[in-house]
Amino acid sequence: MEKGTVYLVGAGPGDPDLLTVKAARWIAAADVVVHDGLVDDAILALTNPDARLISVAKQRSRHSVPQEGINAILVREAQAGHAVVRLKGGDPFIFGRGGEEVDACRKADVPVEVVPGISAAVAGGAEALLPLTHRDASSAVTFVAGQCKGLTDQNWAGLAGKGRTLVIYMGVATADDISEKLIADGLSPDTPVAVLERVGRKDGRALRTILTDLGGMIAREAVQSPAIIIVGDVVLRSNASDALNVLAQRVLENSTSP
């Protein structure tokens, strides 16, 4: 690695085995690692023992360090002559604000390189045996964010429906609004939906229901972020647990118990 360079590295969904070879090599060689809260401890364990780790963990509506502060850290550390790895969950350029960090480095004349990571949608789909595209079900897939800006400001018309897959990141907290928005746009309330929680981790789950039950299922199952929502017929081909059937079975058992 060259000194005085910022490397934006995708850490993937959390499983160290899903890192690219280049990502693992750069993580191990960095002088400074600026990492998100979603980066698994097993990945941080791959860093050089002499490396300095700087956490810039973010949570919904609460950032320990604002984005402008993160940009300043990257530039400052690189200008001090360090090889800086900016370690981001998933892929730096898929809702990771990597583009903003590249812009900040370029503006400061700091060399910057990017190593892509496996995004949660791709990893989660593989984990749940859920193909994002399929010749018999979907020929297009779209990624959107459920809370990057007000949902009413986002135009999702035509992104979901027959022959299409919609993947929603950061949508757990706004699940009811998402369901209402898509149904209002003409999507059937019975459209299959999957929620993939904590992708790539041992405590991860894959749940399946229908669009009208999305918010209810998330509440019943106490789904927590990070999680992604997948909307479309490809969900029927997944290995996800059928939350509606589970709920029906619980109701049946409760009604027949003495």
Protein backbone atom coordinates (compact mmCIF):
# COMPACT_ATOMS: atom_id res chain seq x y z
CA MET A 1 0.00 0.00 0.00
CA GLU A 2 1.17 3.50 -0.75
CA LYS A 3 1.56 5.96 2.10
CA GLY A 4 -0.67 9.00 2.01
CA THR A 5 -3.48 7.16 0.23
CA VAL A 6 -7.09 6.50 1.22
CA TYR A 7 -8.47 3.06 0.37
CA LEU A 8 -12.25 2.66 0.49
CA VAL A 9 -12.75 -1.02 1.25
CA GLY A 10 -16.03 -2.92 1.21
CA ALA A 11 -16.21 -5.23 4.22
CA GLY A 12 -19.23 -7.11 2.90
CA PRO A 13 -22.13 -8.18 5.12
CA GLY A 14 -20.01 -9.36 8.07
CA ASP A 15 -18.59 -12.79 7.27
CA PRO A 16 -14.78 -12.50 6.90
CA ASP A 17 -14.88 -15.33 4.35
CA LEU A 18 -16.83 -13.03 2.01
CA LEU A 19 -14.06 -10.42 1.84
CA THR A 20 -12.23 -10.11 -1.45
CA VAL A 21 -8.58 -11.15 -1.41
CA LYS A 22 -7.54 -7.55 -2.05
CA ALA A 23 -9.75 -6.27 0.77
CA ALA A 24 -8.21 -8.69 3.26
CA ARG A 25 -4.71 -7.76 2.10
CA TRP A 26 -5.31 -4.02 2.43
CA ILE A 27 -6.99 -4.36 5.83
CA ALA A 28 -3.95 -6.22 7.12
CA ALA A 29 -1.50 -3.66 5.73
CA ALA A 30 -3.16 -0.38 6.73
CA ASP A 31 -1.64 2.11 9.17
CA VAL A 32 -5.05 3.54 10.07
CA VAL A 33 -8.47 1.87 9.77
CA VAL A 34 -11.54 4.12 9.91
CA HIS A 35 -14.46 1.74 10.30
CA ASP A 36 -18.25 1.69 10.51
CA GLY A 37 -20.21 0.15 13.35
CA LEU A 38 -21.52 -2.58 11.05
CA VAL A 39 -18.05 -4.01 10.44
CA ASP A 40 -17.83 -7.33 12.27
CA ASP A 41 -15.21 -7.81 15.00
CA ALA A 42 -13.90 -10.83 13.11
CA ILE A 43 -12.96 -8.52 10.24
CA LEU A 44 -11.40 -5.92 12.53
CA ALA A 45 -9.28 -8.75 13.95
CA LEU A 46 -7.55 -8.97 10.57
CA THR A 47 -5.97 -5.54 11.02
CA ASN A 48 -2.28 -5.07 11.80
CA PRO A 49 -1.77 -5.07 15.61
CA ASP A 50 0.10 -1.78 15.20
CA ALA A 51 -2.69 -0.15 13.18
CA ARG A 52 -4.77 2.61 14.73
CA LEU A 53 -8.51 1.89 14.63
CA ILE A 54 -10.96 4.81 14.51
CA SER A 55 -14.67 4.04 14.91
CA VAL A 56 -17.13 6.32 13.13
CA ALA A 57 -20.18 4.18 13.91
CA LYS A 58 -23.54 5.43 12.68
CA GLN A 59 -27.03 4.57 13.82
CA ARG A 60 -30.40 5.78 12.55
CA SER A 61 -30.72 9.51 13.30
CA ARG A 62 -27.54 9.42 15.39
CA HIS A 63 -24.03 9.67 13.99
CA SER A 64 -21.05 9.52 16.34
CA VAL A 65 -19.12 11.44 13.69
CA PRO A 66 -20.92 13.42 10.95
CA GLN A 67 -19.98 12.66 7.35
CA GLU A 68 -18.01 15.90 7.04
CA GLY A 69 -16.00 14.82 10.08
CA ILE A 70 -15.28 11.42 8.55
CA ASN A 71 -14.10 13.07 5.36
CA ALA A 72 -11.79 15.31 7.39
CA ILE A 73 -10.32 12.33 9.25
CA LEU A 74 -9.53 10.50 6.01
CA VAL A 75 -7.86 13.53 4.46
CA ARG A 76 -5.93 14.42 7.61
CA GLU A 77 -4.56 10.91 8.14
CA ALA A 78 -3.55 10.53 4.51
CA GLN A 79 -1.87 13.93 4.46
CA ALA A 80 0.09 12.81 7.53
CA GLY A 81 1.59 10.08 5.35
CA HIS A 82 -0.48 7.12 6.49
CA ALA A 83 -2.02 4.33 4.44
CA VAL A 84 -5.68 4.76 5.43
CA VAL A 85 -8.35 2.10 4.98
CA ARG A 86 -11.92 3.37 5.17
CA LEU A 87 -13.68 0.12 6.06
CA LYS A 88 -17.37 0.11 5.20
CA GLY A 89 -20.06 -2.53 5.61
CA GLY A 90 -21.26 -3.97 2.32
CA ASP A 91 -20.03 -2.07 -0.72
CA PRO A 92 -18.67 1.50 -0.52
CA PHE A 93 -20.77 2.67 -3.47
CA ILE A 94 -24.14 1.13 -2.53
CA PHE A 95 -25.70 3.43 0.09
CA GLY A 96 -22.29 3.70 1.71
CA ARG A 97 -21.59 7.38 0.96
CA GLY A 98 -18.36 6.29 -0.65
CA GLY A 99 -18.89 8.77 -3.46
CA GLU A 100 -18.83 11.65 -0.99
CA GLU A 101 -15.59 10.39 0.52
CA VAL A 102 -13.99 10.04 -2.90
CA ASP A 103 -15.02 13.62 -3.69
CA ALA A 104 -13.48 14.87 -0.44
CA CYS A 105 -10.19 13.10 -1.16
CA ARG A 106 -10.05 14.43 -4.72
CA LYS A 107 -10.76 17.96 -3.54
CA ALA A 108 -7.82 17.71 -1.13
CA ASP A 109 -5.56 16.11 -3.79
CA VAL A 110 -5.33 12.92 -1.72
CA PRO A 111 -4.96 9.70 -3.76
CA VAL A 112 -7.95 7.39 -3.31
CA GLU A 113 -8.72 3.86 -4.44
CA VAL A 114 -11.79 1.66 -4.01
CA VAL A 115 -12.18 -2.06 -3.36
CA PRO A 116 -15.78 -3.25 -3.89
CA GLY A 117 -17.51 -5.44 -1.33
CA ILE A 118 -20.36 -7.91 -1.46
CA SER A 119 -23.53 -5.96 -0.75
CA ALA A 120 -26.12 -7.26 1.73
CA ALA A 121 -28.67 -7.84 -1.03
CA VAL A 122 -26.34 -10.13 -2.96
CA ALA A 123 -25.06 -11.95 0.13
CA GLY A 124 -28.51 -12.25 1.68
CA GLY A 125 -30.04 -13.55 -1.50
CA ALA A 126 -27.37 -16.24 -1.74
CA GLU A 127 -27.77 -17.15 1.92
CA ALA A 128 -31.56 -17.53 1.61
CA LEU A 129 -31.34 -19.21 -1.82
CA LEU A 130 -33.23 -16.21 -3.16
CA PRO A 131 -32.22 -15.19 -6.70
CA LEU A 132 -32.61 -11.47 -7.28
CA THR A 133 -33.22 -12.23 -10.96
CA HIS A 134 -34.65 -15.38 -12.51
CA ARG A 135 -35.67 -16.18 -16.08
CA ASP A 136 -39.15 -17.19 -14.92
CA ALA A 137 -39.74 -14.40 -12.39
CA SER A 138 -37.61 -11.28 -12.79
CA SER A 139 -35.40 -9.71 -15.42
CA ALA A 140 -34.66 -6.49 -13.51
CA VAL A 141 -33.58 -5.57 -9.99
CA THR A 142 -33.51 -2.12 -8.35
CA PHE A 143 -31.88 -0.99 -5.12
CA VAL A 144 -33.53 1.83 -3.13
CA ALA A 145 -33.11 3.27 0.38
CA GLY A 146 -36.01 3.28 2.80
CA GLN A 147 -34.90 6.24 4.87
CA CYS A 148 -32.17 8.21 3.08
CA LYS A 149 -34.78 10.88 2.37
CA GLY A 150 -38.49 11.24 2.89
CA LEU A 151 -40.37 8.39 1.25
CA THR A 152 -42.86 10.81 -0.25
CA ASP A 153 -39.98 12.44 -2.14
CA GLN A 154 -38.95 9.17 -3.76
CA ASN A 155 -40.56 7.95 -6.97
CA TRP A 156 -40.67 4.15 -6.94
CA ALA A 157 -43.35 3.84 -9.62
CA GLY A 158 -42.57 0.94 -11.94
CA LEU A 159 -39.70 -0.40 -9.82
CA ALA A 160 -41.69 -3.31 -8.41
CA GLY A 161 -44.23 -5.63 -9.98
CA LYS A 162 -44.38 -8.45 -12.49
CA GLY A 163 -40.95 -9.37 -13.79
CA ARG A 164 -39.13 -6.99 -11.44
CA THR A 165 -37.41 -7.20 -8.05
CA LEU A 166 -37.20 -4.30 -5.61
CA VAL A 167 -34.55 -4.35 -2.87
CA ILE A 168 -34.99 -1.87 -0.03
CA TYR A 169 -32.11 -1.04 2.27
CA MET A 170 -32.64 0.63 5.67
CA GLY A 171 -36.38 0.07 5.59
CA VAL A 172 -37.16 -1.64 8.90
CA ALA A 173 -38.22 1.53 10.71
CA THR A 174 -40.41 2.69 7.81
CA ALA A 175 -41.86 -0.70 6.84
CA ASP A 176 -45.50 0.35 7.26
CA ASP A 177 -44.96 3.43 5.12
CA ILE A 178 -43.15 1.36 2.49
CA SER A 179 -46.03 -1.11 2.30
CA GLU A 180 -48.59 1.69 1.98
CA LYS A 181 -46.50 3.47 -0.65
CA LEU A 182 -46.09 0.41 -2.86
CA ILE A 183 -49.74 -0.61 -2.59
CA ALA A 184 -50.78 2.96 -3.41
CA ASP A 185 -48.53 2.75 -6.48
CA GLY A 186 -50.59 -0.23 -7.66
CA LEU A 187 -48.70 -3.22 -6.28
CA SER A 188 -50.88 -6.09 -5.09
CA PRO A 189 -51.16 -6.44 -1.30
CA ASP A 190 -50.40 -10.15 -1.83
CA THR A 191 -47.00 -9.46 -3.42
CA PRO A 192 -44.37 -11.74 -1.83
CA VAL A 193 -41.86 -10.00 0.44
CA ALA A 194 -38.77 -11.25 2.23
CA VAL A 195 -36.89 -9.61 5.10
CA LEU A 196 -33.27 -10.66 5.48
CA GLU A 197 -31.97 -9.73 8.92
CA ARG A 198 -28.29 -9.52 9.92
CA VAL A 199 -27.08 -11.02 6.66
CA GLY A 200 -23.86 -12.99 6.84
CA ARG A 201 -23.96 -13.39 10.62
CA LYS A 202 -24.65 -16.42 12.80
CA ASP A 203 -27.81 -14.87 14.25
CA GLY A 204 -29.19 -13.86 10.86
CA ARG A 205 -32.74 -14.69 9.77
CA ALA A 206 -34.71 -14.83 6.54
CA LEU A 207 -38.46 -14.28 6.82
CA ARG A 208 -41.15 -14.26 4.16
CA THR A 209 -44.63 -12.75 4.12
CA ILE A 210 -46.82 -10.61 1.82
CA LEU A 211 -46.64 -6.87 1.27
CA THR A 212 -49.70 -5.94 3.31
CA ASP A 213 -48.24 -7.81 6.32
CA LEU A 214 -44.72 -6.37 6.05
CA GLY A 215 -44.90 -3.96 8.99
CA GLY A 216 -46.88 -6.41 11.09
CA MET A 217 -44.42 -9.22 10.51
CA ILE A 218 -41.45 -7.01 11.37
CA ALA A 219 -43.17 -6.04 14.64
CA ARG A 220 -44.23 -9.61 15.54
CA GLU A 221 -40.82 -11.06 14.83
CA ALA A 222 -38.99 -8.11 16.46
CA VAL A 223 -36.80 -7.66 13.39
CA GLN A 224 -33.85 -5.36 14.03
CA SER A 225 -31.55 -3.45 11.71
CA PRO A 226 -29.46 -4.13 9.76
CA ALA A 227 -31.96 -5.83 7.48
CA ILE A 228 -33.03 -5.60 3.87
CA ILE A 229 -36.46 -6.02 2.31
CA ILE A 230 -36.93 -7.80 -1.02
CA VAL A 231 -40.19 -7.39 -2.94
CA GLY A 232 -41.20 -9.55 -5.89
CA ASP A 233 -42.03 -13.03 -7.15
CA VAL A 234 -38.42 -14.18 -6.72
CA VAL A 235 -39.18 -14.32 -2.99
CA LEU A 236 -41.29 -17.42 -3.58
CA ARG A 237 -38.12 -19.22 -4.67
CA SER A 238 -36.30 -18.43 -1.43
CA ASN A 239 -35.46 -20.59 1.56
CA ALA A 240 -36.96 -17.99 3.91
CA SER A 241 -39.27 -18.99 6.75
CA ASP A 242 -42.88 -18.28 5.85
CA ALA A 243 -43.93 -15.81 8.55
CA LEU A 244 -47.61 -15.93 7.58
CA ASN A 245 -47.75 -19.70 7.92
CA VAL A 246 -45.93 -19.49 11.24
CA LEU A 247 -48.43 -16.90 12.46
CA ALA A 248 -51.39 -19.00 11.30
CA GLN A 249 -49.98 -22.03 13.12
CA ARG A 250 -49.59 -20.01 16.33
CA VAL A 251 -53.18 -18.81 16.09
CA LEU A 252 -54.37 -22.39 15.52
CA GLU A 253 -52.39 -23.71 18.47
CA ASN A 254 -53.67 -20.96 20.76
CA SER A 255 -57.28 -21.55 19.70
CA THR A 256 -57.09 -25.30 20.36
CA SER A 257 -55.12 -25.18 23.62
CA PRO A 258 -57.13 -25.88 26.79
